[in-house]
PDB file of N, CA and C in Angstrom:
ATOM      1  N   UNK A   1     114.251 116.409 103.233  1.00  0.00           N
ATOM      2  CA  UNK A   1     113.374 115.277 103.478  1.00  0.00           C
ATOM      3  C   UNK A   1     113.287 114.452 102.207  1.00  0.00           C
ATOM      4  N   UNK A   2     113.478 113.134 102.261  1.00  0.00           N
ATOM      5  CA  UNK A   2     113.458 112.313 101.056  1.00  0.00           C
ATOM      6  C   UNK A   2     112.058 112.222 100.462  1.00  0.00           C
ATOM      7  N   UNK A   3     112.000 112.164  99.150  1.00  0.00           N
ATOM      8  CA  UNK A   3     110.728 112.018  98.448  1.00  0.00           C
ATOM      9  C   UNK A   3     110.423 110.536  98.339  1.00  0.00           C
ATOM     10  N   UNK A   4     109.206 110.168  98.692  1.00  0.00           N
ATOM     11  CA  UNK A   4     108.809 108.768  98.635  1.00  0.00           C
ATOM     12  C   UNK A   4     108.404 108.407  97.207  1.00  0.00           C
ATOM     13  N   UNK A   5     108.944 107.328  96.702  1.00  0.00           N
ATOM     14  CA  UNK A   5     108.634 106.839  95.365  1.00  0.00           C
ATOM     15  C   UNK A   5     107.226 106.259  95.382  1.00  0.00           C
ATOM     16  N   UNK A   6     106.296 106.833  94.574  1.00  0.00           N
ATOM     17  CA  UNK A   6     104.913 106.376  94.589  1.00  0.00           C
ATOM     18  C   UNK A   6     104.771 104.956  94.069  1.00  0.00           C
ATOM     19  N   UNK A   7     105.734 104.461  93.292  1.00  0.00           N
ATOM     20  CA  UNK A   7     105.646 103.089  92.805  1.00  0.00           C
ATOM     21  C   UNK A   7     105.930 102.089  93.924  1.00  0.00           C
ATOM     22  N   UNK A   8     106.511 102.567  95.039  1.00  0.00           N
ATOM     23  CA  UNK A   8     106.827 101.695  96.159  1.00  0.00           C
ATOM     24  C   UNK A   8     105.647 101.535  97.108  1.00  0.00           C
ATOM     25  N   UNK A   9     104.567 102.289  96.898  1.00  0.00           N
ATOM     26  CA  UNK A   9     103.391 102.204  97.751  1.00  0.00           C
ATOM     27  C   UNK A   9     102.701 100.860  97.506  1.00  0.00           C
ATOM     28  N   UNK A  10     102.331 100.160  98.580  1.00  0.00           N
ATOM     29  CA  UNK A  10     101.590  98.915  98.454  1.00  0.00           C
ATOM     30  C   UNK A  10     100.256  99.212  97.786  1.00  0.00           C
ATOM     31  N   UNK A  11      99.843  98.419  96.801  1.00  0.00           N
ATOM     32  CA  UNK A  11      98.571  98.705  96.115  1.00  0.00           C
ATOM     33  C   UNK A  11      97.407  98.780  97.099  1.00  0.00           C
ATOM     34  N   UNK A  12      96.549  99.749  96.876  1.00  0.00           N
ATOM     35  CA  UNK A  12      95.333  99.863  97.678  1.00  0.00           C
ATOM     36  C   UNK A  12      94.402  98.734  97.271  1.00  0.00           C
ATOM     37  N   UNK A  13      93.848  98.036  98.236  1.00  0.00           N
ATOM     38  CA  UNK A  13      92.905  96.946  97.959  1.00  0.00           C
ATOM     39  C   UNK A  13      91.516  97.434  98.347  1.00  0.00           C
ATOM     40  N   UNK A  14      90.618  97.468  97.384  1.00  0.00           N
ATOM     41  CA  UNK A  14      89.273  97.981  97.599  1.00  0.00           C
ATOM     42  C   UNK A  14      88.241  96.905  97.326  1.00  0.00           C
ATOM     43  N   UNK A  15      87.287  96.778  98.219  1.00  0.00           N
ATOM     44  CA  UNK A  15      86.141  95.909  97.951  1.00  0.00           C
ATOM     45  C   UNK A  15      85.104  96.763  97.243  1.00  0.00           C
ATOM     46  N   UNK A  16      84.586  96.250  96.132  1.00  0.00           N
ATOM     47  CA  UNK A  16      83.578  96.981  95.380  1.00  0.00           C
ATOM     48  C   UNK A  16      82.398  96.073  95.066  1.00  0.00           C
ATOM     49  N   UNK A  17      81.244  96.672  94.994  1.00  0.00           N
ATOM     50  CA  UNK A  17      80.009  96.011  94.559  1.00  0.00           C
ATOM     51  C   UNK A  17      79.625  96.689  93.260  1.00  0.00           C
ATOM     52  N   UNK A  18      79.581  95.922  92.184  1.00  0.00           N
ATOM     53  CA  UNK A  18      79.336  96.482  90.860  1.00  0.00           C
ATOM     54  C   UNK A  18      77.939  96.100  90.378  1.00  0.00           C
ATOM     55  N   UNK A  19      77.207  97.108  89.885  1.00  0.00           N
ATOM     56  CA  UNK A  19      75.894  96.888  89.295  1.00  0.00           C
ATOM     57  C   UNK A  19      76.033  97.173  87.801  1.00  0.00           C
ATOM     58  N   UNK A  20      76.051  96.120  86.964  1.00  0.00           N
ATOM     59  CA  UNK A  20      76.193  96.323  85.517  1.00  0.00           C
ATOM     60  C   UNK A  20      74.856  96.684  84.865  1.00  0.00           C
ATOM     61  N   UNK A  21      74.922  97.186  83.638  1.00  0.00           N
ATOM     62  CA  UNK A  21      73.725  97.504  82.877  1.00  0.00           C
ATOM     63  C   UNK A  21      72.988  98.731  83.372  1.00  0.00           C
ATOM     64  N   UNK A  22      73.687  99.650  84.023  1.00  0.00           N
ATOM     65  CA  UNK A  22      73.067 100.861  84.566  1.00  0.00           C
ATOM     66  C   UNK A  22      72.915 101.920  83.473  1.00  0.00           C
ATOM     67  N   UNK A  23      72.137 102.924  83.760  1.00  0.00           N
ATOM     68  CA  UNK A  23      71.936 104.028  82.819  1.00  0.00           C
ATOM     69  C   UNK A  23      73.217 104.844  82.628  1.00  0.00           C
ATOM     70  N   UNK A  24      73.944 105.050  83.734  1.00  0.00           N
ATOM     71  CA  UNK A  24      75.216 105.778  83.678  1.00  0.00           C
ATOM     72  C   UNK A  24      76.242 105.059  84.538  1.00  0.00           C
ATOM     73  N   UNK A  25      77.509 105.273  84.222  1.00  0.00           N
ATOM     74  CA  UNK A  25      78.589 104.721  85.044  1.00  0.00           C
ATOM     75  C   UNK A  25      78.948 105.758  86.095  1.00  0.00           C
ATOM     76  N   UNK A  26      78.924 105.336  87.369  1.00  0.00           N
ATOM     77  CA  UNK A  26      79.179 106.285  88.444  1.00  0.00           C
ATOM     78  C   UNK A  26      79.508 105.577  89.748  1.00  0.00           C
ATOM     79  N   UNK A  27      80.127 106.338  90.641  1.00  0.00           N
ATOM     80  CA  UNK A  27      80.352 105.893  92.018  1.00  0.00           C
ATOM     81  C   UNK A  27      79.092 106.255  92.791  1.00  0.00           C
ATOM     82  N   UNK A  28      78.472 105.267  93.418  1.00  0.00           N
ATOM     83  CA  UNK A  28      77.251 105.511  94.184  1.00  0.00           C
ATOM     84  C   UNK A  28      77.599 105.933  95.600  1.00  0.00           C
ATOM     85  N   UNK A  29      78.522 105.208  96.229  1.00  0.00           N
ATOM     86  CA  UNK A  29      78.925 105.509  97.596  1.00  0.00           C
ATOM     87  C   UNK A  29      79.246 104.232  98.340  1.00  0.00           C
ATOM     88  N   UNK A  30      79.250 104.295  99.648  1.00  0.00           N
ATOM     89  CA  UNK A  30      79.557 103.136 100.479  1.00  0.00           C
ATOM     90  C   UNK A  30      78.396 102.148 100.464  1.00  0.00           C
ATOM     91  N   UNK A  31      78.745 100.875 100.516  1.00  0.00           N
ATOM     92  CA  UNK A  31      77.778  99.784 100.632  1.00  0.00           C
ATOM     93  C   UNK A  31      78.383  98.822 101.648  1.00  0.00           C
ATOM     94  N   UNK A  32      78.116  99.075 102.929  1.00  0.00           N
ATOM     95  CA  UNK A  32      78.783  98.316 103.989  1.00  0.00           C
ATOM     96  C   UNK A  32      80.251  98.684 104.011  1.00  0.00           C
ATOM     97  N   UNK A  33      81.129  97.684 103.918  1.00  0.00           N
ATOM     98  CA  UNK A  33      82.561  97.979 103.892  1.00  0.00           C
ATOM     99  C   UNK A  33      83.109  98.017 102.466  1.00  0.00           C
ATOM    100  N   UNK A  34      82.216  98.024 101.488  1.00  0.00           N
ATOM    101  CA  UNK A  34      82.621  98.075 100.080  1.00  0.00           C
ATOM    102  C   UNK A  34      82.137  99.381  99.454  1.00  0.00           C
ATOM    103  N   UNK A  35      82.627  99.645  98.259  1.00  0.00           N
ATOM    104  CA  UNK A  35      82.155 100.780  97.464  1.00  0.00           C
ATOM    105  C   UNK A  35      81.180 100.260  96.428  1.00  0.00           C
ATOM    106  N   UNK A  36      80.064 100.941  96.255  1.00  0.00           N
ATOM    107  CA  UNK A  36      79.080 100.544  95.249  1.00  0.00           C
ATOM    108  C   UNK A  36      79.278 101.422  94.021  1.00  0.00           C
ATOM    109  N   UNK A  37      79.405 100.755  92.869  1.00  0.00           N
ATOM    110  CA  UNK A  37      79.568 101.460  91.599  1.00  0.00           C
ATOM    111  C   UNK A  37      78.594 100.893  90.584  1.00  0.00           C
ATOM    112  N   UNK A  38      78.124 101.751  89.703  1.00  0.00           N
ATOM    113  CA  UNK A  38      77.277 101.329  88.590  1.00  0.00           C
ATOM    114  C   UNK A  38      78.072 101.501  87.305  1.00  0.00           C
ATOM    115  N   UNK A  39      77.926 100.534  86.395  1.00  0.00           N
ATOM    116  CA  UNK A  39      78.556 100.656  85.078  1.00  0.00           C
ATOM    117  C   UNK A  39      77.516 100.393  84.002  1.00  0.00           C
ATOM    118  N   UNK A  40      77.657 101.075  82.886  1.00  0.00           N
ATOM    119  CA  UNK A  40      76.711 100.941  81.779  1.00  0.00           C
ATOM    120  C   UNK A  40      76.836  99.594  81.080  1.00  0.00           C
ATOM    121  N   UNK A  41      78.019  99.055  81.011  1.00  0.00           N
ATOM    122  CA  UNK A  41      78.270  97.828  80.252  1.00  0.00           C
ATOM    123  C   UNK A  41      77.529  96.637  80.862  1.00  0.00           C
ATOM    124  N   UNK A  42      77.094  95.710  80.006  1.00  0.00           N
ATOM    125  CA  UNK A  42      76.458  94.489  80.512  1.00  0.00           C
ATOM    126  C   UNK A  42      77.504  93.518  81.058  1.00  0.00           C
ATOM    127  N   UNK A  43      77.061  92.572  81.885  1.00  0.00           N
ATOM    128  CA  UNK A  43      78.002  91.615  82.479  1.00  0.00           C
ATOM    129  C   UNK A  43      78.303  90.443  81.534  1.00  0.00           C
ATOM    130  N   UNK A  44      78.853  90.750  80.393  1.00  0.00           N
ATOM    131  CA  UNK A  44      79.176  89.686  79.440  1.00  0.00           C
ATOM    132  C   UNK A  44      80.554  89.911  78.838  1.00  0.00           C
ATOM    133  N   UNK A  45      81.300  88.817  78.686  1.00  0.00           N
ATOM    134  CA  UNK A  45      82.631  88.829  78.065  1.00  0.00           C
ATOM    135  C   UNK A  45      83.569  89.873  78.689  1.00  0.00           C
ATOM    136  N   UNK A  46      83.434  90.116  79.986  1.00  0.00           N
ATOM    137  CA  UNK A  46      84.343  91.021  80.680  1.00  0.00           C
ATOM    138  C   UNK A  46      84.109  92.497  80.424  1.00  0.00           C
ATOM    139  N   UNK A  47      83.032  92.832  79.737  1.00  0.00           N
ATOM    140  CA  UNK A  47      82.787  94.244  79.418  1.00  0.00           C
ATOM    141  C   UNK A  47      82.546  95.092  80.663  1.00  0.00           C
ATOM    142  N   UNK A  48      81.795  94.565  81.625  1.00  0.00           N
ATOM    143  CA  UNK A  48      81.535  95.326  82.854  1.00  0.00           C
ATOM    144  C   UNK A  48      82.824  95.513  83.648  1.00  0.00           C
ATOM    145  N   UNK A  49      83.680  94.483  83.688  1.00  0.00           N
ATOM    146  CA  UNK A  49      84.965  94.620  84.385  1.00  0.00           C
ATOM    147  C   UNK A  49      85.836  95.675  83.713  1.00  0.00           C
ATOM    148  N   UNK A  50      85.860  95.692  82.392  1.00  0.00           N
ATOM    149  CA  UNK A  50      86.638  96.696  81.669  1.00  0.00           C
ATOM    150  C   UNK A  50      86.156  98.105  81.957  1.00  0.00           C
ATOM    151  N   UNK A  51      84.843  98.268  81.999  1.00  0.00           N
ATOM    152  CA  UNK A  51      84.305  99.592  82.300  1.00  0.00           C
ATOM    153  C   UNK A  51      84.534  99.974  83.755  1.00  0.00           C
ATOM    154  N   UNK A  52      84.491  98.989  84.649  1.00  0.00           N
ATOM    155  CA  UNK A  52      84.807  99.238  86.059  1.00  0.00           C
ATOM    156  C   UNK A  52      86.231  99.758  86.205  1.00  0.00           C
ATOM    157  N   UNK A  53      87.171  99.105  85.544  1.00  0.00           N
ATOM    158  CA  UNK A  53      88.579  99.526  85.600  1.00  0.00           C
ATOM    159  C   UNK A  53      88.717 100.949  85.063  1.00  0.00           C
ATOM    160  N   UNK A  54      88.060 101.246  83.941  1.00  0.00           N
ATOM    161  CA  UNK A  54      88.132 102.592  83.359  1.00  0.00           C
ATOM    162  C   UNK A  54      87.530 103.633  84.301  1.00  0.00           C
ATOM    163  N   UNK A  55      86.387 103.329  84.904  1.00  0.00           N
ATOM    164  CA  UNK A  55      85.736 104.261  85.830  1.00  0.00           C
ATOM    165  C   UNK A  55      86.609 104.524  87.049  1.00  0.00           C
ATOM    166  N   UNK A  56      87.156 103.472  87.623  1.00  0.00           N
ATOM    167  CA  UNK A  56      88.014 103.658  88.791  1.00  0.00           C
ATOM    168  C   UNK A  56      89.282 104.438  88.436  1.00  0.00           C
ATOM    169  N   UNK A  57      89.898 104.124  87.301  1.00  0.00           N
ATOM    170  CA  UNK A  57      91.113 104.836  86.904  1.00  0.00           C
ATOM    171  C   UNK A  57      90.827 106.330  86.747  1.00  0.00           C
ATOM    172  N   UNK A  58      89.739 106.661  86.076  1.00  0.00           N
ATOM    173  CA  UNK A  58      89.392 108.072  85.877  1.00  0.00           C
ATOM    174  C   UNK A  58      89.065 108.752  87.204  1.00  0.00           C
ATOM    175  N   UNK A  59      88.252 108.101  88.023  1.00  0.00           N
ATOM    176  CA  UNK A  59      87.839 108.678  89.303  1.00  0.00           C
ATOM    177  C   UNK A  59      89.017 108.871  90.249  1.00  0.00           C
ATOM    178  N   UNK A  60      89.934 107.905  90.253  1.00  0.00           N
ATOM    179  CA  UNK A  60      91.066 107.958  91.179  1.00  0.00           C
ATOM    180  C   UNK A  60      92.258 108.719  90.621  1.00  0.00           C
ATOM    181  N   UNK A  61      92.222 109.063  89.339  1.00  0.00           N
ATOM    182  CA  UNK A  61      93.317 109.832  88.752  1.00  0.00           C
ATOM    183  C   UNK A  61      94.585 109.028  88.551  1.00  0.00           C
ATOM    184  N   UNK A  62      94.417 107.758  88.191  1.00  0.00           N
ATOM    185  CA  UNK A  62      95.568 106.903  87.907  1.00  0.00           C
ATOM    186  C   UNK A  62      95.394 106.303  86.510  1.00  0.00           C
ATOM    187  N   UNK A  63      96.485 105.826  85.892  1.00  0.00           N
ATOM    188  CA  UNK A  63      96.352 105.173  84.589  1.00  0.00           C
ATOM    189  C   UNK A  63      95.561 103.872  84.702  1.00  0.00           C
ATOM    190  N   UNK A  64      94.928 103.476  83.612  1.00  0.00           N
ATOM    191  CA  UNK A  64      94.146 102.232  83.608  1.00  0.00           C
ATOM    192  C   UNK A  64      94.973 101.024  84.033  1.00  0.00           C
ATOM    193  N   UNK A  65      96.242 100.998  83.624  1.00  0.00           N
ATOM    194  CA  UNK A  65      97.047  99.828  83.955  1.00  0.00           C
ATOM    195  C   UNK A  65      97.436  99.772  85.438  1.00  0.00           C
ATOM    196  N   UNK A  66      97.066 100.792  86.215  1.00  0.00           N
ATOM    197  CA  UNK A  66      97.317 100.786  87.651  1.00  0.00           C
ATOM    198  C   UNK A  66      96.152 100.168  88.424  1.00  0.00           C
ATOM    199  N   UNK A  67      95.072  99.796  87.705  1.00  0.00           N
ATOM    200  CA  UNK A  67      93.875  99.229  88.336  1.00  0.00           C
ATOM    201  C   UNK A  67      93.651  97.829  87.780  1.00  0.00           C
ATOM    202  N   UNK A  68      93.413  96.871  88.696  1.00  0.00           N
ATOM    203  CA  UNK A  68      93.110  95.521  88.214  1.00  0.00           C
ATOM    204  C   UNK A  68      92.133  94.822  89.152  1.00  0.00           C
ATOM    205  N   UNK A  69      91.282  94.007  88.558  1.00  0.00           N
ATOM    206  CA  UNK A  69      90.368  93.184  89.336  1.00  0.00           C
ATOM    207  C   UNK A  69      91.161  91.972  89.810  1.00  0.00           C
ATOM    208  N   UNK A  70      91.349  91.868  91.117  1.00  0.00           N
ATOM    209  CA  UNK A  70      92.145  90.779  91.684  1.00  0.00           C
ATOM    210  C   UNK A  70      91.299  89.549  91.991  1.00  0.00           C
ATOM    211  N   UNK A  71      90.033  89.769  92.311  1.00  0.00           N
ATOM    212  CA  UNK A  71      89.154  88.652  92.661  1.00  0.00           C
ATOM    213  C   UNK A  71      87.719  89.034  92.344  1.00  0.00           C
ATOM    214  N   UNK A  72      86.928  88.048  91.902  1.00  0.00           N
ATOM    215  CA  UNK A  72      85.513  88.288  91.636  1.00  0.00           C
ATOM    216  C   UNK A  72      85.221  88.642  90.190  1.00  0.00           C
ATOM    217  N   UNK A  73      85.988  88.099  89.267  1.00  0.00           N
ATOM    218  CA  UNK A  73      85.833  88.439  87.851  1.00  0.00           C
ATOM    219  C   UNK A  73      84.432  88.168  87.314  1.00  0.00           C
ATOM    220  N   UNK A  74      83.728  87.196  87.872  1.00  0.00           N
ATOM    221  CA  UNK A  74      82.410  86.840  87.336  1.00  0.00           C
ATOM    222  C   UNK A  74      81.277  87.119  88.315  1.00  0.00           C
ATOM    223  N   UNK A  75      81.547  87.881  89.364  1.00  0.00           N
ATOM    224  CA  UNK A  75      80.509  88.207  90.343  1.00  0.00           C
ATOM    225  C   UNK A  75      80.422  89.719  90.521  1.00  0.00           C
ATOM    226  N   UNK A  76      79.390  90.164  91.190  1.00  0.00           N
ATOM    227  CA  UNK A  76      79.233  91.592  91.467  1.00  0.00           C
ATOM    228  C   UNK A  76      80.119  92.075  92.598  1.00  0.00           C
ATOM    229  N   UNK A  77      80.546  91.162  93.475  1.00  0.00           N
ATOM    230  CA  UNK A  77      81.435  91.505  94.587  1.00  0.00           C
ATOM    231  C   UNK A  77      82.870  91.282  94.127  1.00  0.00           C
ATOM    232  N   UNK A  78      83.675  92.321  94.141  1.00  0.00           N
ATOM    233  CA  UNK A  78      85.034  92.227  93.615  1.00  0.00           C
ATOM    234  C   UNK A  78      86.054  92.804  94.593  1.00  0.00           C
ATOM    235  N   UNK A  79      87.274  92.346  94.436  1.00  0.00           N
ATOM    236  CA  UNK A  79      88.408  92.935  95.125  1.00  0.00           C
ATOM    237  C   UNK A  79      89.273  93.559  94.039  1.00  0.00           C
ATOM    238  N   UNK A  80      89.497  94.852  94.148  1.00  0.00           N
ATOM    239  CA  UNK A  80      90.258  95.595  93.143  1.00  0.00           C
ATOM    240  C   UNK A  80      91.534  96.119  93.781  1.00  0.00           C
ATOM    241  N   UNK A  81      92.635  96.007  93.053  1.00  0.00           N
ATOM    242  CA  UNK A  81      93.905  96.569  93.516  1.00  0.00           C
ATOM    243  C   UNK A  81      94.232  97.792  92.676  1.00  0.00           C
ATOM    244  N   UNK A  82      94.651  98.851  93.361  1.00  0.00           N
ATOM    245  CA  UNK A  82      94.998 100.106  92.695  1.00  0.00           C
ATOM    246  C   UNK A  82      96.418 100.472  93.097  1.00  0.00           C
ATOM    247  N   UNK A  83      97.302 100.514  92.123  1.00  0.00           N
ATOM    248  CA  UNK A  83      98.686 100.913  92.377  1.00  0.00           C
ATOM    249  C   UNK A  83      98.782 102.431  92.397  1.00  0.00           C
ATOM    250  N   UNK A  84      99.828 102.926  93.033  1.00  0.00           N
ATOM    251  CA  UNK A  84     100.163 104.360  93.077  1.00  0.00           C
ATOM    252  C   UNK A  84      99.298 105.171  94.030  1.00  0.00           C
ATOM    253  N   UNK A  85      98.427 104.516  94.807  1.00  0.00           N
ATOM    254  CA  UNK A  85      97.602 105.215  95.787  1.00  0.00           C
ATOM    255  C   UNK A  85      97.572 104.411  97.077  1.00  0.00           C
ATOM    256  N   UNK A  86      97.434 105.109  98.182  1.00  0.00           N
ATOM    257  CA  UNK A  86      97.181 104.422  99.445  1.00  0.00           C
ATOM    258  C   UNK A  86      95.684 104.155  99.541  1.00  0.00           C
ATOM    259  N   UNK A  87      95.319 103.285 100.418  1.00  0.00           N
ATOM    260  CA  UNK A  87      93.895 102.981 100.635  1.00  0.00           C
ATOM    261  C   UNK A  87      93.152 104.242 101.077  1.00  0.00           C
ATOM    262  N   UNK A  88      93.785 105.041 101.926  1.00  0.00           N
ATOM    263  CA  UNK A  88      93.152 106.263 102.423  1.00  0.00           C
ATOM    264  C   UNK A  88      92.896 107.255 101.288  1.00  0.00           C
ATOM    265  N   UNK A  89      93.884 107.419 100.396  1.00  0.00           N
ATOM    266  CA  UNK A  89      93.707 108.326  99.259  1.00  0.00           C
ATOM    267  C   UNK A  89      92.594 107.831  98.335  1.00  0.00           C
ATOM    268  N   UNK A  90      92.566 106.538  98.071  1.00  0.00           N
ATOM    269  CA  UNK A  90      91.527 105.966  97.213  1.00  0.00           C
ATOM    270  C   UNK A  90      90.150 106.167  97.840  1.00  0.00           C
ATOM    271  N   UNK A  91      90.021 105.887  99.135  1.00  0.00           N
ATOM    272  CA  UNK A  91      88.737 106.082  99.815  1.00  0.00           C
ATOM    273  C   UNK A  91      88.292 107.537  99.760  1.00  0.00           C
ATOM    274  N   UNK A  92      89.228 108.449  99.968  1.00  0.00           N
ATOM    275  CA  UNK A  92      88.902 109.877  99.950  1.00  0.00           C
ATOM    276  C   UNK A  92      88.390 110.299  98.568  1.00  0.00           C
ATOM    277  N   UNK A  93      89.065 109.854  97.511  1.00  0.00           N
ATOM    278  CA  UNK A  93      88.669 110.225  96.151  1.00  0.00           C
ATOM    279  C   UNK A  93      87.330 109.602  95.762  1.00  0.00           C
ATOM    280  N   UNK A  94      87.085 108.362  96.183  1.00  0.00           N
ATOM    281  CA  UNK A  94      85.813 107.724  95.889  1.00  0.00           C
ATOM    282  C   UNK A  94      84.675 108.407  96.656  1.00  0.00           C
ATOM    283  N   UNK A  95      84.940 108.812  97.888  1.00  0.00           N
ATOM    284  CA  UNK A  95      83.921 109.509  98.679  1.00  0.00           C
ATOM    285  C   UNK A  95      83.543 110.827  98.018  1.00  0.00           C
ATOM    286  N   UNK A  96      84.535 111.552  97.517  1.00  0.00           N
ATOM    287  CA  UNK A  96      84.253 112.815  96.824  1.00  0.00           C
ATOM    288  C   UNK A  96      83.411 112.570  95.574  1.00  0.00           C
ATOM    289  N   UNK A  97      83.739 111.546  94.813  1.00  0.00           N
ATOM    290  CA  UNK A  97      83.000 111.227  93.601  1.00  0.00           C
ATOM    291  C   UNK A  97      81.567 110.807  93.946  1.00  0.00           C
ATOM    292  N   UNK A  98      81.414 110.049  95.017  1.00  0.00           N
ATOM    293  CA  UNK A  98      80.074 109.623  95.434  1.00  0.00           C
ATOM    294  C   UNK A  98      79.210 110.790  95.853  1.00  0.00           C
ATOM    295  N   UNK A  99      79.803 111.779  96.507  1.00  0.00           N
ATOM    296  CA  UNK A  99      79.039 112.973  96.911  1.00  0.00           C
ATOM    297  C   UNK A  99      78.592 113.786  95.706  1.00  0.00           C
ATOM    298  N   UNK A 100      79.445 113.853  94.683  1.00  0.00           N
ATOM    299  CA  UNK A 100      79.099 114.606  93.469  1.00  0.00           C
ATOM    300  C   UNK A 100      77.903 113.969  92.759  1.00  0.00           C
ATOM    301  N   UNK A 101      77.789 112.639  92.855  1.00  0.00           N
ATOM    302  CA  UNK A 101      76.720 111.925  92.165  1.00  0.00           C
ATOM    303  C   UNK A 101      75.440 111.816  92.983  1.00  0.00           C
ATOM    304  N   UNK A 102      75.494 112.249  94.243  1.00  0.00           N
ATOM    305  CA  UNK A 102      74.313 112.132  95.118  1.00  0.00           C
ATOM    306  C   UNK A 102      73.268 113.158  94.789  1.00  0.00           C
TER     307      UNK A 102
END
């Protein structure tokens, strides 16, 4: 059976709601059809976006350069693309992280 090249997987597109300036950075859980995440960094000079990328990369088990904010750079509602994972795998990993933080 041929092995599927993970770099050929279409990037997972995730809607996220980010709350900056939180006490801790964590995955909260589902917020409608988006994922709610808290980050410690304030919403200034891209610091919250940088911490969001780091949190997602660590939580999803992918390198930082595999995660990027595709839309919503200056708002709390964002569209994030994650390479090397399917949407289902990303959702599963975020759900597990959200349960650990509950």
